[in-house]
Protein backbone atom coordinates (compact mmCIF):
# COMPACT_ATOMS: atom_id res chain seq x y z
CA MET A 1 -64.63 163.89 40.60
CA GLU A 2 -63.34 166.81 42.69
CA ARG A 3 -66.89 167.49 43.80
CA TYR A 4 -66.97 164.13 45.62
CA SER A 5 -63.33 164.14 46.72
CA ARG A 6 -64.08 163.98 50.44
CA GLN A 7 -66.49 161.10 49.88
CA ILE A 8 -63.94 159.28 47.72
CA LEU A 9 -61.33 159.69 50.45
CA PHE A 10 -63.58 157.60 52.68
CA SER A 11 -62.01 154.21 51.98
CA PRO A 12 -65.19 152.04 52.06
CA ILE A 13 -66.39 154.11 49.06
CA GLY A 14 -63.28 155.21 47.17
CA GLU A 15 -63.22 155.88 43.43
CA GLU A 16 -64.80 152.58 42.48
CA GLY A 17 -67.61 153.06 44.98
CA GLN A 18 -68.26 156.56 43.66
CA LYS A 19 -68.55 155.20 40.13
CA LYS A 20 -71.09 152.65 41.37
CA ILE A 21 -73.11 155.36 43.15
CA ARG A 22 -73.06 157.37 39.92
CA SER A 23 -74.48 154.42 37.97
CA LYS A 24 -77.36 153.59 40.32
CA HIS A 25 -81.08 154.44 40.54
CA VAL A 26 -82.79 155.27 43.85
CA LEU A 27 -86.54 155.55 44.36
CA ILE A 28 -87.86 157.63 47.27
CA VAL A 29 -91.53 157.15 48.11
CA GLY A 30 -92.88 160.16 50.00
CA ILE A 31 -90.92 163.39 49.83
CA GLY A 32 -91.97 164.90 53.14
CA ALA A 33 -89.63 165.05 56.15
CA LEU A 34 -87.71 161.78 55.73
CA GLY A 35 -87.93 161.86 51.96
CA SER A 36 -86.56 165.42 51.80
CA ALA A 37 -83.57 164.64 53.99
CA ASN A 38 -82.72 161.42 52.14
CA ALA A 39 -83.16 163.03 48.73
CA GLU A 40 -80.81 165.89 49.54
CA LEU A 41 -78.13 163.62 51.01
CA LEU A 42 -78.23 161.26 48.02
CA THR A 43 -78.25 164.10 45.50
CA ARG A 44 -75.19 165.62 47.15
CA ALA A 45 -73.59 162.15 47.18
CA GLY A 46 -73.93 162.01 43.38
CA VAL A 47 -76.40 159.20 42.77
CA GLY A 48 -76.99 158.72 39.05
CA LYS A 49 -80.79 158.76 38.96
CA LEU A 50 -83.28 159.73 41.66
CA THR A 51 -87.01 159.13 41.28
CA ILE A 52 -89.34 160.81 43.77
CA VAL A 53 -93.02 160.02 44.23
CA ASP A 54 -95.42 162.02 46.41
CA ARG A 55 -99.16 162.74 46.45
CA ASP A 56 -99.17 165.89 48.60
CA TYR A 57 -98.38 169.62 48.30
CA VAL A 58 -96.24 171.97 50.38
CA ASP A 59 -97.99 173.41 53.42
CA TRP A 60 -96.75 175.93 56.00
CA THR A 61 -96.71 173.24 58.70
CA ASN A 62 -94.11 171.32 56.64
CA LEU A 63 -91.42 173.98 56.78
CA GLN A 64 -90.25 173.22 60.33
CA ARG A 65 -88.77 169.84 59.34
CA GLN A 66 -89.10 169.24 55.57
CA THR A 67 -85.79 170.71 54.54
CA LEU A 68 -86.19 170.95 50.76
CA TYR A 69 -88.99 173.51 50.92
CA CYS A 70 -89.20 177.25 51.48
CA GLU A 71 -91.94 179.80 52.14
CA GLN A 72 -92.44 180.46 48.43
CA ASP A 73 -93.29 176.78 47.86
CA ALA A 74 -95.98 176.94 50.56
CA GLU A 75 -97.37 180.21 49.21
CA SER A 76 -97.54 178.75 45.70
CA GLY A 77 -99.09 175.48 46.84
CA LEU A 78 -96.59 173.51 44.78
CA PRO A 79 -96.74 169.70 44.86
CA LYS A 80 -93.90 168.42 47.01
CA ALA A 81 -92.47 166.32 44.20
CA ILE A 82 -92.20 169.35 41.90
CA ALA A 83 -90.76 171.69 44.53
CA ALA A 84 -88.28 169.00 45.57
CA LYS A 85 -87.18 168.39 41.98
CA GLN A 86 -86.49 172.10 41.49
CA ARG A 87 -84.41 172.33 44.66
CA LEU A 88 -82.50 169.11 44.02
CA GLU A 89 -81.59 170.14 40.47
CA ALA A 90 -80.20 173.39 41.89
CA ILE A 91 -78.07 171.37 44.32
CA ASN A 92 -76.60 168.96 41.75
CA HIS A 93 -77.38 169.30 38.05
CA ASP A 94 -75.54 166.06 37.26
CA VAL A 95 -78.20 163.92 38.95
CA GLU A 96 -81.16 162.86 36.84
CA ILE A 97 -84.25 163.75 38.89
CA ARG A 98 -87.65 162.31 37.97
CA ALA A 99 -90.68 163.56 39.91
CA PHE A 100 -94.19 162.07 39.97
CA VAL A 101 -97.19 163.73 41.61
CA MET A 102 -99.24 160.63 42.33
CA ASP A 103 -100.30 158.05 44.87
CA ALA A 104 -98.00 155.08 45.34
CA ASP A 105 -100.81 152.72 44.32
CA ASP A 106 -101.28 154.38 40.92
CA GLU A 107 -100.39 152.18 37.95
CA PRO A 108 -97.29 154.18 36.87
CA PHE A 109 -95.76 153.48 40.28
CA VAL A 110 -95.50 149.77 39.54
CA SER A 111 -93.79 150.52 36.22
CA ILE A 112 -90.91 152.23 38.08
CA PHE A 113 -90.03 148.86 39.62
CA GLU A 114 -90.43 147.12 36.26
CA GLN A 115 -87.95 149.54 34.67
CA GLY A 116 -85.31 148.81 37.31
CA VAL A 117 -84.47 150.29 40.71
CA ASP A 118 -81.38 149.62 42.86
CA VAL A 119 -82.79 150.66 46.23
CA VAL A 120 -86.04 152.12 47.59
CA ILE A 121 -86.22 154.52 50.53
CA ASP A 122 -89.36 154.80 52.64
CA GLY A 123 -90.47 158.38 53.25
CA THR A 124 -94.13 157.51 53.81
CA ASP A 125 -96.40 157.99 56.82
CA ASN A 126 -98.73 154.99 56.64
CA PHE A 127 -98.67 151.20 56.81
CA GLU A 128 -100.76 150.64 53.67
CA THR A 129 -98.14 152.23 51.41
CA ARG A 130 -95.32 150.43 53.20
CA PHE A 131 -97.00 147.07 52.66
CA LEU A 132 -97.32 147.95 48.97
CA ILE A 133 -93.64 148.96 48.74
CA ASN A 134 -92.73 145.76 50.55
CA ASP A 135 -94.62 143.51 48.14
CA LEU A 136 -93.16 145.27 45.09
CA ALA A 137 -89.66 145.13 46.56
CA GLN A 138 -90.01 141.38 47.20
CA LYS A 139 -91.51 140.71 43.78
CA TYR A 140 -88.82 142.64 41.90
CA ASN A 141 -85.96 141.75 44.28
CA VAL A 142 -85.17 145.35 45.29
CA PRO A 143 -83.70 146.29 48.71
CA TRP A 144 -85.73 148.88 50.59
CA ILE A 145 -85.04 150.89 53.72
CA TYR A 146 -87.83 151.44 56.20
CA GLY A 147 -87.91 154.56 58.34
CA ALA A 148 -90.40 156.12 60.73
CA CYS A 149 -90.37 158.92 63.27
CA VAL A 150 -92.67 160.84 65.59
CA GLY A 151 -91.91 163.16 68.49
CA SER A 152 -88.31 162.34 69.48
CA TYR A 153 -88.71 158.65 68.59
CA GLY A 154 -87.45 156.98 65.42
CA LEU A 155 -86.58 153.61 63.88
CA SER A 156 -85.12 152.18 60.71
CA PHE A 157 -84.26 148.86 59.08
CA ALA A 158 -82.87 147.80 55.70
CA MET A 159 -84.79 144.93 54.11
CA ILE A 160 -82.87 142.78 51.66
CA PRO A 161 -85.06 140.33 49.69
CA GLY A 162 -84.07 136.72 50.31
CA LYS A 163 -81.89 137.59 53.32
CA THR A 164 -83.72 139.63 55.95
CA PRO A 165 -87.28 139.53 57.27
CA CYS A 166 -89.60 141.68 55.18
CA PHE A 167 -91.91 144.37 56.52
CA ARG A 168 -94.84 141.99 56.79
CA CYS A 169 -92.68 139.62 58.87
CA LEU A 170 -91.74 142.44 61.22
CA VAL A 171 -94.88 144.49 61.57
CA HIS A 172 -96.35 142.64 64.54
CA HIS A 173 -93.06 142.89 66.39
CA LEU A 174 -92.23 146.56 65.87
CA PRO A 175 -92.35 148.87 68.90
CA SER A 176 -95.70 150.64 69.13
CA TYR A 177 -95.81 154.06 67.51
CA HIS A 178 -99.45 154.59 66.62
CA MET A 179 -99.06 158.29 67.37
CA THR A 180 -98.54 160.61 64.40
CA CYS A 181 -96.83 163.93 63.80
CA ASP A 182 -100.27 165.49 63.47
CA ASN A 183 -101.34 164.60 67.00
CA ILE A 184 -98.16 164.61 69.11
CA GLY A 185 -95.73 166.56 66.91
CA ILE A 186 -92.13 165.95 65.93
CA ILE A 187 -88.76 167.63 66.30
CA ALA A 188 -86.50 168.03 63.28
CA PRO A 189 -83.46 166.25 64.80
CA THR A 190 -85.51 163.04 64.95
CA VAL A 191 -86.08 163.27 61.21
CA GLN A 192 -82.42 163.90 60.50
CA MET A 193 -81.32 160.96 62.64
CA VAL A 194 -83.63 158.47 60.90
CA ALA A 195 -82.70 159.86 57.47
CA SER A 196 -79.00 159.53 58.30
CA TYR A 197 -79.48 155.87 59.14
CA GLN A 198 -81.47 155.35 55.94
CA THR A 199 -79.00 157.11 53.65
CA ALA A 200 -76.03 155.34 55.24
CA GLU A 201 -77.60 151.94 54.49
CA ALA A 202 -78.50 153.12 50.99
CA LEU A 203 -74.87 154.05 50.30
CA LYS A 204 -73.69 150.64 51.52
CA ILE A 205 -76.14 148.99 49.13
CA LEU A 206 -75.19 151.27 46.24
CA VAL A 207 -71.46 150.55 46.58
CA GLU A 208 -72.31 146.85 47.04
CA ASP A 209 -70.67 146.53 50.46
CA GLU A 210 -73.01 143.79 51.69
CA ARG A 211 -70.99 142.97 54.82
CA ALA A 212 -71.41 146.51 56.10
CA ILE A 213 -75.23 146.52 55.93
CA ARG A 214 -76.67 146.69 59.43
CA ASP A 215 -78.61 143.52 60.29
CA SER A 216 -80.54 145.05 63.19
CA LEU A 217 -83.53 147.31 63.68
CA VAL A 218 -82.38 150.60 65.18
CA VAL A 219 -84.75 152.25 67.68
CA PHE A 220 -84.03 155.51 69.50
CA ASP A 221 -85.56 158.33 71.51
CA LEU A 222 -83.43 161.45 71.32
CA TRP A 223 -85.21 163.26 74.15
CA LYS A 224 -84.90 160.32 76.55
CA ASN A 225 -81.34 159.57 75.41
CA GLU A 226 -82.23 155.99 74.50
CA HIS A 227 -80.67 154.04 71.63
CA ARG A 228 -81.10 150.33 70.88
CA PHE A 229 -80.25 147.86 68.12
CA LEU A 230 -82.62 144.89 67.97
CA LYS A 231 -81.69 141.64 66.23
CA VAL A 232 -84.69 140.63 64.11
CA ASN A 233 -83.41 138.00 61.64
CA LYS A 234 -85.15 135.18 63.52
CA LEU A 235 -88.48 136.84 62.70
CA LYS A 236 -88.20 135.89 59.02
CA ASN A 237 -91.33 133.83 58.33
CA LYS A 238 -91.28 131.00 55.78
CA GLN A 239 -95.07 131.27 55.55
CA CYS A 240 -95.05 135.02 54.90
CA PRO A 241 -97.26 135.82 51.88
CA SER A 242 -94.83 138.56 50.83
CA CYS A 243 -91.40 136.89 51.16
CA GLY A 244 -92.10 133.26 52.10
CA GLU A 245 -92.09 130.06 50.11
CA HIS A 246 -95.59 130.52 48.69
CA ARG A 247 -95.95 134.20 47.87
CA SER A 248 -99.22 135.89 46.94
CA TYR A 249 -98.19 139.57 47.41
CA PRO A 250 -101.47 140.53 49.10
CA SER A 251 -101.00 144.29 48.80
CA LEU A 252 -100.78 143.98 45.02
CA GLN A 253 -104.17 142.27 44.95
CA GLU A 254 -106.07 144.88 46.96
CA PRO A 255 -108.39 147.19 44.98
CA LYS A 256 -107.76 150.93 45.09
CA ALA A 257 -109.86 152.77 47.65
CA LYS A 258 -111.98 155.50 46.03
CA MET A 259 -112.24 157.29 49.38
CA ALA A 260 -109.88 157.18 52.35
CA VAL A 261 -109.01 159.16 55.46
CA LEU A 262 -105.33 160.10 55.29
CA CYS A 263 -103.26 158.69 58.12
CA GLY A 264 -103.21 160.91 61.21
CA ARG A 265 -104.93 163.83 59.48
CA GLU A 266 -108.36 165.38 59.31
CA THR A 267 -108.33 164.92 55.56
CA VAL A 268 -110.26 162.68 53.18
CA GLN A 269 -108.84 161.75 49.78
CA ILE A 270 -111.30 161.02 46.98
CA ARG A 271 -110.47 159.60 43.56
CA HIS A 272 -112.44 161.15 40.72
CA PRO A 273 -112.90 158.73 37.78
CA HIS A 274 -111.29 161.20 35.36
CA SER A 275 -108.55 163.82 35.38
CA PHE A 276 -109.43 167.44 36.16
CA ASP A 277 -109.13 170.39 33.76
CA LEU A 278 -107.79 172.69 36.44
CA LYS A 279 -107.80 175.87 34.38
CA GLU A 280 -111.44 175.48 33.38
CA MET A 281 -112.51 174.52 36.90
CA ALA A 282 -110.64 177.48 38.38
CA GLN A 283 -112.41 179.85 36.00
CA GLN A 284 -115.80 178.39 36.94
CA ILE A 285 -115.13 178.68 40.65
CA LYS A 286 -113.84 182.24 40.29
CA ALA A 287 -116.99 183.13 38.36
CA SER A 288 -119.06 181.91 41.30
CA GLY A 289 -117.27 184.34 43.59
CA GLN A 290 -115.09 181.78 45.35
CA LYS A 291 -111.40 182.41 46.01
CA VAL A 292 -109.19 179.99 44.08
CA GLN A 293 -105.49 179.33 43.56
CA TYR A 294 -104.13 176.99 40.90
CA ASN A 295 -101.05 175.95 38.96
CA ASP A 296 -100.29 173.24 36.41
CA TYR A 297 -100.57 170.52 39.04
CA LEU A 298 -103.34 171.41 41.48
CA MET A 299 -106.09 173.82 42.43
CA ILE A 300 -106.88 175.04 45.96
CA THR A 301 -110.21 176.52 47.01
CA GLU A 302 -112.57 176.51 49.98
CA LEU A 303 -115.96 174.84 49.80
CA GLU A 304 -118.40 175.10 52.70
CA GLY A 305 -115.63 175.74 55.18
CA HIS A 306 -113.37 172.95 53.90
CA ARG A 307 -110.03 173.63 52.24
CA THR A 308 -110.31 171.56 49.07
CA VAL A 309 -107.40 170.60 46.82
CA LEU A 310 -107.87 169.09 43.35
CA PHE A 311 -104.95 167.45 41.54
CA ALA A 312 -104.71 167.17 37.77
CA ASP A 313 -104.66 163.36 38.01
CA GLY A 314 -108.21 163.31 39.45
CA ARG A 315 -107.44 163.11 43.16
CA MET A 316 -109.11 165.42 45.63
CA LEU A 317 -108.22 166.27 49.23
CA ILE A 318 -110.95 167.61 51.51
CA HIS A 319 -109.37 169.02 54.65
CA GLY A 320 -111.04 169.49 58.02
CA THR A 321 -112.99 166.24 58.19
CA LYS A 322 -112.56 162.53 58.84
CA ASP A 323 -116.19 161.80 58.01
CA LEU A 324 -116.39 159.91 54.71
CA MET A 325 -120.11 160.65 54.35
CA ASP A 326 -119.58 164.40 54.72
CA ALA A 327 -116.73 164.29 52.21
CA ARG A 328 -118.82 162.24 49.78
CA SER A 329 -121.68 164.71 50.07
CA LEU A 330 -119.39 167.65 49.28
CA TYR A 331 -117.86 165.80 46.35
CA GLN A 332 -121.24 164.85 44.86
CA LYS A 333 -122.57 168.37 45.24
CA TYR A 334 -119.71 170.06 43.37
CA PHE A 335 -117.89 167.48 41.25
CA ALA A 336 -119.86 164.29 40.60
């Protein structure tokens, strides 16, 4: 236990707390900026099992704040989940790291909750996925820790099923932050601050120190030197369809969207009905004279001025457009 000696010396954790951390399973959804920071902190803390889920790949614009990735990852076009797994295993080989390159609404995602998770950490960038996490967390009685950041502004809150308001209870009362990193930017210290709050709450949950869990929503703006803690427990709604007395878990009932504009980005995601044979497709595109890059997980090419990324699971990203009709036309021309 020498590796964790300084953490064990911290009396709220101690040897017993470290053993509990070592026996627990954490799920991180989204392994971008917040997900990277949380994953590294928890891996260094010695969590027993860490599952990471992400649908995207490493891009050059990620490197300024997504701390698990390097230039080689961006050059190789590695999926974030795979690149993160490689880095995390190099940091601590004792932690069991499971990585999934998939959307959070894919069927295998639900099975992670069914198999047992001790805490979920939000590293996503959109409300739809958070509502899904929220419904699964309520259904399977799993604490989850919300986090969001943009510019110099961030917020976080730990949601404990049966005790605190859930995300659906809170969403109409959260401070407005409809801006995204893609349109107003973000500074790395904002990410680190939110992730620190998230990981701290995760450690409290993992060592089962319920009295220490913060019962307020933290909101801050690092550039404006503002920091607030908002009491939100009165917002718990008995009629909430996710955590109330008559639950229907609405996000679990919604059909998967075959086409969607990704939040805050000029990118359309399309779901192909079948998986892609990337090697064969890469050979066909090369034969047509197009430049192509591929690995075991995805293929990157350019079609009619649009950077196009195909994942082995049948998903496709068409960059440079928010127009669903244009994206559909490109898809039907080359892949339907």
